[in-house]
Amino acid sequence: MNLLYAFDLLGTAAFAASGAWAGIRRQMDLLGVLVLGVVTAIGGGTLRDILLGDTPPFCLQNDTYLYLSIVVAVVVFIFHRHFEHIAHPLLYLDAIGLGTFVVIGTQKAIYFGSSFIVAVTMGVMTATAGGVIRDMLSNRVPLILRREIYASPCIAGSALLYAGHMLGLNYAISAIAAVALVVVVRILAIRHNWALPRAKKN
């Protein structure tokens, strides 16, 4: 198992847990928790594949992602009373998943011959669209539309990977640098409560 795939599975598990936890907080039943867990974990990559014309989507070509998402959501549902103890560490796992998904989404778009803006969009979508669906289904303002530094490092990481591709740099080096950029910025934002500026009221 290569390192990127291992991080991909780790990120999938973290995203599934965050989706399931959102369902728990909204007092959903088991089905609701499962739906939020699964769509958070695979929603972004599925939407990316559909838009790129790569069908069936990745999660139907390798159902490990589906099984992993379901198992994690069920575990969160069963042990939710103990979940608050790992809710904060989960943010750091989520950051790793975020960086990994950005790289996977951007690289796939590059493979399909996409332009810079399309590749960056696919990278950011892979990392964030599942969370957007989760927040909409749980009746919350999506995280990427709030003040938190979330989508911004994804854009930077995706742009860095694309630049490395255009400059002919080694893929592994570019991918590691892109993941590191996303993860480090996201973790620093969590630790120091960084946020994007809002428009000032008159």
C-alpha atoms as a PDB file:
ATOM      1  CA  MET A   1       0.000   0.000   0.000  1.00  0.00           C
ATOM      2  CA  ASN A   2       1.566   3.318  -1.032  1.00  0.00           C
ATOM      3  CA  LEU A   3       1.625   6.269   1.338  1.00  0.00           C
ATOM      4  CA  LEU A   4      -0.867   8.394  -0.610  1.00  0.00           C
ATOM      5  CA  TYR A   5      -3.425   5.577  -0.657  1.00  0.00           C
ATOM      6  CA  ALA A   6      -2.952   5.044   3.083  1.00  0.00           C
ATOM      7  CA  PHE A   7      -3.561   8.758   3.709  1.00  0.00           C
ATOM      8  CA  ASP A   8      -6.548   8.575   1.357  1.00  0.00           C
ATOM      9  CA  LEU A   9      -8.122   5.851   3.497  1.00  0.00           C
ATOM     10  CA  LEU A  10      -7.246   7.772   6.671  1.00  0.00           C
ATOM     11  CA  GLY A  11      -8.880  10.893   5.277  1.00  0.00           C
ATOM     12  CA  THR A  12     -11.927   8.907   4.190  1.00  0.00           C
ATOM     13  CA  ALA A  13     -12.315   7.552   7.716  1.00  0.00           C
ATOM     14  CA  ALA A  14     -11.898  11.014   9.259  1.00  0.00           C
ATOM     15  CA  PHE A  15     -14.430  12.564   6.881  1.00  0.00           C
ATOM     16  CA  ALA A  16     -16.892   9.720   7.504  1.00  0.00           C
ATOM     17  CA  ALA A  17     -16.522  10.250  11.252  1.00  0.00           C
ATOM     18  CA  SER A  18     -17.099  13.997  10.956  1.00  0.00           C
ATOM     19  CA  GLY A  19     -20.208  13.411   8.851  1.00  0.00           C
ATOM     20  CA  ALA A  20     -21.578  10.822  11.264  1.00  0.00           C
ATOM     21  CA  TRP A  21     -20.841  13.110  14.207  1.00  0.00           C
ATOM     22  CA  ALA A  22     -22.792  15.905  12.504  1.00  0.00           C
ATOM     23  CA  GLY A  23     -25.743  13.498  12.237  1.00  0.00           C
ATOM     24  CA  ILE A  24     -25.451  12.608  15.925  1.00  0.00           C
ATOM     25  CA  ARG A  25     -25.462  16.268  16.922  1.00  0.00           C
ATOM     26  CA  ARG A  26     -28.599  16.783  14.811  1.00  0.00           C
ATOM     27  CA  GLN A  27     -30.206  13.830  16.613  1.00  0.00           C
ATOM     28  CA  MET A  28     -30.619  11.805  13.426  1.00  0.00           C
ATOM     29  CA  ASP A  29     -31.389   8.088  13.449  1.00  0.00           C
ATOM     30  CA  LEU A  30     -28.940   5.421  12.283  1.00  0.00           C
ATOM     31  CA  LEU A  31     -29.861   5.863   8.617  1.00  0.00           C
ATOM     32  CA  GLY A  32     -29.327   9.619   8.806  1.00  0.00           C
ATOM     33  CA  VAL A  33     -25.959   9.150  10.488  1.00  0.00           C
ATOM     34  CA  LEU A  34     -24.917   6.629   7.827  1.00  0.00           C
ATOM     35  CA  VAL A  35     -25.977   8.918   4.989  1.00  0.00           C
ATOM     36  CA  LEU A  36     -24.062  11.889   6.381  1.00  0.00           C
ATOM     37  CA  GLY A  37     -20.989   9.756   7.064  1.00  0.00           C
ATOM     38  CA  VAL A  38     -20.899   8.277   3.574  1.00  0.00           C
ATOM     39  CA  VAL A  39     -21.645  11.458   1.609  1.00  0.00           C
ATOM     40  CA  THR A  40     -19.024  13.397   3.564  1.00  0.00           C
ATOM     41  CA  ALA A  41     -16.384  10.767   2.834  1.00  0.00           C
ATOM     42  CA  ILE A  42     -17.063  10.091  -0.855  1.00  0.00           C
ATOM     43  CA  GLY A  43     -19.217  12.991  -2.037  1.00  0.00           C
ATOM     44  CA  GLY A  44     -16.405  15.195  -3.314  1.00  0.00           C
ATOM     45  CA  GLY A  45     -14.580  12.469  -5.223  1.00  0.00           C
ATOM     46  CA  THR A  46     -17.814  11.155  -6.716  1.00  0.00           C
ATOM     47  CA  LEU A  47     -18.838  14.581  -7.978  1.00  0.00           C
ATOM     48  CA  ARG A  48     -15.342  15.111  -9.395  1.00  0.00           C
ATOM     49  CA  ASP A  49     -15.418  11.843 -11.318  1.00  0.00           C
ATOM     50  CA  ILE A  50     -18.860  12.561 -12.756  1.00  0.00           C
ATOM     51  CA  LEU A  51     -17.774  16.012 -13.955  1.00  0.00           C
ATOM     52  CA  LEU A  52     -14.564  14.616 -15.460  1.00  0.00           C
ATOM     53  CA  GLY A  53     -16.516  11.820 -17.170  1.00  0.00           C
ATOM     54  CA  ASP A  54     -14.689   9.083 -15.268  1.00  0.00           C
ATOM     55  CA  THR A  55     -17.522   6.659 -14.607  1.00  0.00           C
ATOM     56  CA  PRO A  56     -18.356   4.677 -12.639  1.00  0.00           C
ATOM     57  CA  PRO A  57     -16.954   6.901  -9.855  1.00  0.00           C
ATOM     58  CA  PHE A  58     -13.947   5.789  -7.817  1.00  0.00           C
ATOM     59  CA  CYS A  59     -16.039   4.482  -4.912  1.00  0.00           C
ATOM     60  CA  LEU A  60     -17.835   2.044  -7.232  1.00  0.00           C
ATOM     61  CA  GLN A  61     -14.582   0.893  -8.792  1.00  0.00           C
ATOM     62  CA  ASN A  62     -13.061   0.272  -5.357  1.00  0.00           C
ATOM     63  CA  ASP A  63     -15.801  -0.358  -2.802  1.00  0.00           C
ATOM     64  CA  THR A  64     -13.280  -0.280   0.059  1.00  0.00           C
ATOM     65  CA  TYR A  65     -14.193   3.393   0.404  1.00  0.00           C
ATOM     66  CA  LEU A  66     -17.880   2.568   0.840  1.00  0.00           C
ATOM     67  CA  TYR A  67     -17.270  -0.193   3.378  1.00  0.00           C
ATOM     68  CA  LEU A  68     -14.834   1.977   5.334  1.00  0.00           C
ATOM     69  CA  SER A  69     -17.270   4.907   5.427  1.00  0.00           C
ATOM     70  CA  ILE A  70     -20.150   2.709   6.594  1.00  0.00           C
ATOM     71  CA  VAL A  71     -18.099   0.977   9.294  1.00  0.00           C
ATOM     72  CA  VAL A  72     -16.758   4.268  10.668  1.00  0.00           C
ATOM     73  CA  ALA A  73     -20.244   5.832  10.710  1.00  0.00           C
ATOM     74  CA  VAL A  74     -21.658   2.828  12.587  1.00  0.00           C
ATOM     75  CA  VAL A  75     -18.809   2.949  15.118  1.00  0.00           C
ATOM     76  CA  VAL A  76     -19.457   6.653  15.733  1.00  0.00           C
ATOM     77  CA  PHE A  77     -23.186   5.946  16.135  1.00  0.00           C
ATOM     78  CA  ILE A  78     -22.580   3.174  18.677  1.00  0.00           C
ATOM     79  CA  PHE A  79     -19.875   4.928  20.692  1.00  0.00           C
ATOM     80  CA  HIS A  80     -21.015   8.531  20.255  1.00  0.00           C
ATOM     81  CA  ARG A  81     -21.038   9.121  24.024  1.00  0.00           C
ATOM     82  CA  HIS A  82     -17.265   8.698  24.029  1.00  0.00           C
ATOM     83  CA  PHE A  83     -16.746  10.538  20.763  1.00  0.00           C
ATOM     84  CA  GLU A  84     -16.295  14.003  22.231  1.00  0.00           C
ATOM     85  CA  HIS A  85     -12.946  12.859  23.636  1.00  0.00           C
ATOM     86  CA  ILE A  86     -11.569  12.448  20.104  1.00  0.00           C
ATOM     87  CA  ALA A  87     -13.535  15.207  18.375  1.00  0.00           C
ATOM     88  CA  HIS A  88     -10.596  17.634  18.523  1.00  0.00           C
ATOM     89  CA  PRO A  89      -7.922  15.132  17.395  1.00  0.00           C
ATOM     90  CA  LEU A  90     -10.278  14.287  14.545  1.00  0.00           C
ATOM     91  CA  LEU A  91      -9.736  17.799  13.187  1.00  0.00           C
ATOM     92  CA  TYR A  92      -6.069  16.942  12.651  1.00  0.00           C
ATOM     93  CA  LEU A  93      -6.918  13.703  10.856  1.00  0.00           C
ATOM     94  CA  ASP A  94      -9.393  15.713   8.813  1.00  0.00           C
ATOM     95  CA  ALA A  95      -6.552  18.063   7.840  1.00  0.00           C
ATOM     96  CA  ILE A  96      -4.516  15.124   6.537  1.00  0.00           C
ATOM     97  CA  GLY A  97      -7.513  13.928   4.554  1.00  0.00           C
ATOM     98  CA  LEU A  98      -8.015  17.420   3.202  1.00  0.00           C
ATOM     99  CA  GLY A  99      -4.467  17.629   1.862  1.00  0.00           C
ATOM    100  CA  THR A 100      -4.577  14.123   0.427  1.00  0.00           C
ATOM    101  CA  PHE A 101      -7.912  14.655  -1.314  1.00  0.00           C
ATOM    102  CA  VAL A 102      -6.658  17.909  -2.834  1.00  0.00           C
ATOM    103  CA  VAL A 103      -3.680  16.123  -4.372  1.00  0.00           C
ATOM    104  CA  ILE A 104      -5.742  13.189  -5.637  1.00  0.00           C
ATOM    105  CA  GLY A 105      -8.397  15.440  -7.174  1.00  0.00           C
ATOM    106  CA  THR A 106      -5.909  17.807  -8.799  1.00  0.00           C
ATOM    107  CA  GLN A 107      -3.768  14.984 -10.167  1.00  0.00           C
ATOM    108  CA  LYS A 108      -6.791  13.261 -11.665  1.00  0.00           C
ATOM    109  CA  ALA A 109      -7.819  16.463 -13.411  1.00  0.00           C
ATOM    110  CA  ILE A 110      -4.274  16.878 -14.738  1.00  0.00           C
ATOM    111  CA  TYR A 111      -4.386  13.294 -16.034  1.00  0.00           C
ATOM    112  CA  PHE A 112      -7.550  14.202 -17.949  1.00  0.00           C
ATOM    113  CA  GLY A 113      -5.769  17.166 -19.538  1.00  0.00           C
ATOM    114  CA  SER A 114      -7.621  19.861 -17.600  1.00  0.00           C
ATOM    115  CA  SER A 115      -6.564  23.497 -17.498  1.00  0.00           C
ATOM    116  CA  PHE A 116      -5.215  25.179 -14.371  1.00  0.00           C
ATOM    117  CA  ILE A 117      -8.565  26.542 -13.178  1.00  0.00           C
ATOM    118  CA  VAL A 118     -10.337  23.231 -13.792  1.00  0.00           C
ATOM    119  CA  ALA A 119      -7.602  21.233 -12.045  1.00  0.00           C
ATOM    120  CA  VAL A 120      -7.694  23.507  -8.997  1.00  0.00           C
ATOM    121  CA  THR A 121     -11.494  23.382  -8.938  1.00  0.00           C
ATOM    122  CA  MET A 122     -11.447  19.578  -9.060  1.00  0.00           C
ATOM    123  CA  GLY A 123      -8.848  19.449  -6.288  1.00  0.00           C
ATOM    124  CA  VAL A 124     -10.809  21.755  -4.009  1.00  0.00           C
ATOM    125  CA  MET A 125     -14.076  20.006  -4.871  1.00  0.00           C
ATOM    126  CA  THR A 126     -12.645  16.595  -4.002  1.00  0.00           C
ATOM    127  CA  ALA A 127     -11.606  17.892  -0.589  1.00  0.00           C
ATOM    128  CA  THR A 128     -14.612  20.034   0.313  1.00  0.00           C
ATOM    129  CA  ALA A 129     -17.769  19.044  -1.604  1.00  0.00           C
ATOM    130  CA  GLY A 130     -18.554  16.152   0.748  1.00  0.00           C
ATOM    131  CA  GLY A 131     -18.484  18.547   3.690  1.00  0.00           C
ATOM    132  CA  VAL A 132     -20.732  20.985   1.828  1.00  0.00           C
ATOM    133  CA  ILE A 133     -23.292  18.232   1.244  1.00  0.00           C
ATOM    134  CA  ARG A 134     -23.002  17.189   4.907  1.00  0.00           C
ATOM    135  CA  ASP A 135     -23.647  20.721   6.146  1.00  0.00           C
ATOM    136  CA  MET A 136     -26.569  21.274   3.776  1.00  0.00           C
ATOM    137  CA  LEU A 137     -28.224  17.998   4.812  1.00  0.00           C
ATOM    138  CA  SER A 138     -27.750  18.893   8.491  1.00  0.00           C
ATOM    139  CA  ASN A 139     -29.137  22.411   7.901  1.00  0.00           C
ATOM    140  CA  ARG A 140     -25.928  24.316   8.563  1.00  0.00           C
ATOM    141  CA  VAL A 141     -24.051  26.992   6.637  1.00  0.00           C
ATOM    142  CA  PRO A 142     -21.284  25.056   4.793  1.00  0.00           C
ATOM    143  CA  LEU A 143     -17.917  25.263   6.504  1.00  0.00           C
ATOM    144  CA  ILE A 144     -16.176  26.672   3.420  1.00  0.00           C
ATOM    145  CA  LEU A 145     -18.581  29.643   3.451  1.00  0.00           C
ATOM    146  CA  ARG A 146     -17.775  30.513   7.046  1.00  0.00           C
ATOM    147  CA  ARG A 147     -14.728  32.376   8.326  1.00  0.00           C
ATOM    148  CA  GLU A 148     -12.592  29.309   8.976  1.00  0.00           C
ATOM    149  CA  ILE A 149      -9.430  28.790   6.915  1.00  0.00           C
ATOM    150  CA  TYR A 150     -10.543  25.637   5.098  1.00  0.00           C
ATOM    151  CA  ALA A 151     -10.862  25.972   1.335  1.00  0.00           C
ATOM    152  CA  SER A 152      -8.048  28.532   1.051  1.00  0.00           C
ATOM    153  CA  PRO A 153      -5.181  26.101   1.794  1.00  0.00           C
ATOM    154  CA  CYS A 154      -6.813  23.640  -0.613  1.00  0.00           C
ATOM    155  CA  ILE A 155      -6.588  26.207  -3.398  1.00  0.00           C
ATOM    156  CA  ALA A 156      -2.948  26.908  -2.553  1.00  0.00           C
ATOM    157  CA  GLY A 157      -2.021  23.218  -2.397  1.00  0.00           C
ATOM    158  CA  SER A 158      -3.758  22.442  -5.676  1.00  0.00           C
ATOM    159  CA  ALA A 159      -2.079  25.390  -7.391  1.00  0.00           C
ATOM    160  CA  LEU A 160       1.303  24.247  -6.069  1.00  0.00           C
ATOM    161  CA  LEU A 161       0.810  20.739  -7.447  1.00  0.00           C
ATOM    162  CA  TYR A 162      -0.247  22.068 -10.841  1.00  0.00           C
ATOM    163  CA  ALA A 163       2.758  24.404 -10.933  1.00  0.00           C
ATOM    164  CA  GLY A 164       5.034  21.465 -10.170  1.00  0.00           C
ATOM    165  CA  HIS A 165       3.460  19.546 -13.045  1.00  0.00           C
ATOM    166  CA  MET A 166       3.939  22.429 -15.479  1.00  0.00           C
ATOM    167  CA  LEU A 167       7.569  22.842 -14.396  1.00  0.00           C
ATOM    168  CA  GLY A 168       8.231  19.134 -14.872  1.00  0.00           C
ATOM    169  CA  LEU A 169       9.099  18.514 -11.236  1.00  0.00           C
ATOM    170  CA  ASN A 170       9.053  15.029  -9.742  1.00  0.00           C
ATOM    171  CA  TYR A 171       5.433  14.108  -8.934  1.00  0.00           C
ATOM    172  CA  ALA A 172       6.207  12.612  -5.530  1.00  0.00           C
ATOM    173  CA  ILE A 173       8.011  15.757  -4.415  1.00  0.00           C
ATOM    174  CA  SER A 174       5.238  18.030  -5.712  1.00  0.00           C
ATOM    175  CA  ALA A 175       2.548  15.877  -4.099  1.00  0.00           C
ATOM    176  CA  ILE A 176       4.286  15.794  -0.721  1.00  0.00           C
ATOM    177  CA  ALA A 177       4.817  19.554  -0.830  1.00  0.00           C
ATOM    178  CA  ALA A 178       1.155  20.159  -1.715  1.00  0.00           C
ATOM    179  CA  VAL A 179      -0.140  17.869   1.037  1.00  0.00           C
ATOM    180  CA  ALA A 180       2.230  19.458   3.556  1.00  0.00           C
ATOM    181  CA  LEU A 181       1.115  22.964   2.602  1.00  0.00           C
ATOM    182  CA  VAL A 182      -2.577  22.144   3.047  1.00  0.00           C
ATOM    183  CA  VAL A 183      -2.093  20.216   6.290  1.00  0.00           C
ATOM    184  CA  VAL A 184       0.247  22.724   7.944  1.00  0.00           C
ATOM    185  CA  VAL A 185      -1.878  25.762   7.099  1.00  0.00           C
ATOM    186  CA  ARG A 186      -5.085  24.013   8.187  1.00  0.00           C
ATOM    187  CA  ILE A 187      -3.576  22.856  11.500  1.00  0.00           C
ATOM    188  CA  LEU A 188      -2.140  26.300  12.211  1.00  0.00           C
ATOM    189  CA  ALA A 189      -5.563  27.785  11.465  1.00  0.00           C
ATOM    190  CA  ILE A 190      -7.148  25.382  13.973  1.00  0.00           C
ATOM    191  CA  ARG A 191      -4.564  26.055  16.669  1.00  0.00           C
ATOM    192  CA  HIS A 192      -4.531  29.843  16.269  1.00  0.00           C
ATOM    193  CA  ASN A 193      -8.171  30.403  15.224  1.00  0.00           C
ATOM    194  CA  TRP A 194      -7.178  32.002  11.937  1.00  0.00           C
ATOM    195  CA  ALA A 195     -10.048  33.251   9.824  1.00  0.00           C
ATOM    196  CA  LEU A 196     -10.582  35.117   6.590  1.00  0.00           C
ATOM    197  CA  PRO A 197     -11.686  38.762   6.906  1.00  0.00           C
ATOM    198  CA  ARG A 198     -15.330  39.715   6.668  1.00  0.00           C
ATOM    199  CA  ALA A 199     -16.767  42.764   4.962  1.00  0.00           C
ATOM    200  CA  LYS A 200     -17.048  45.587   7.476  1.00  0.00           C
ATOM    201  CA  LYS A 201     -20.463  46.994   8.292  1.00  0.00           C
ATOM    202  CA  ASN A 202     -21.054  50.672   7.663  1.00  0.00           C
END
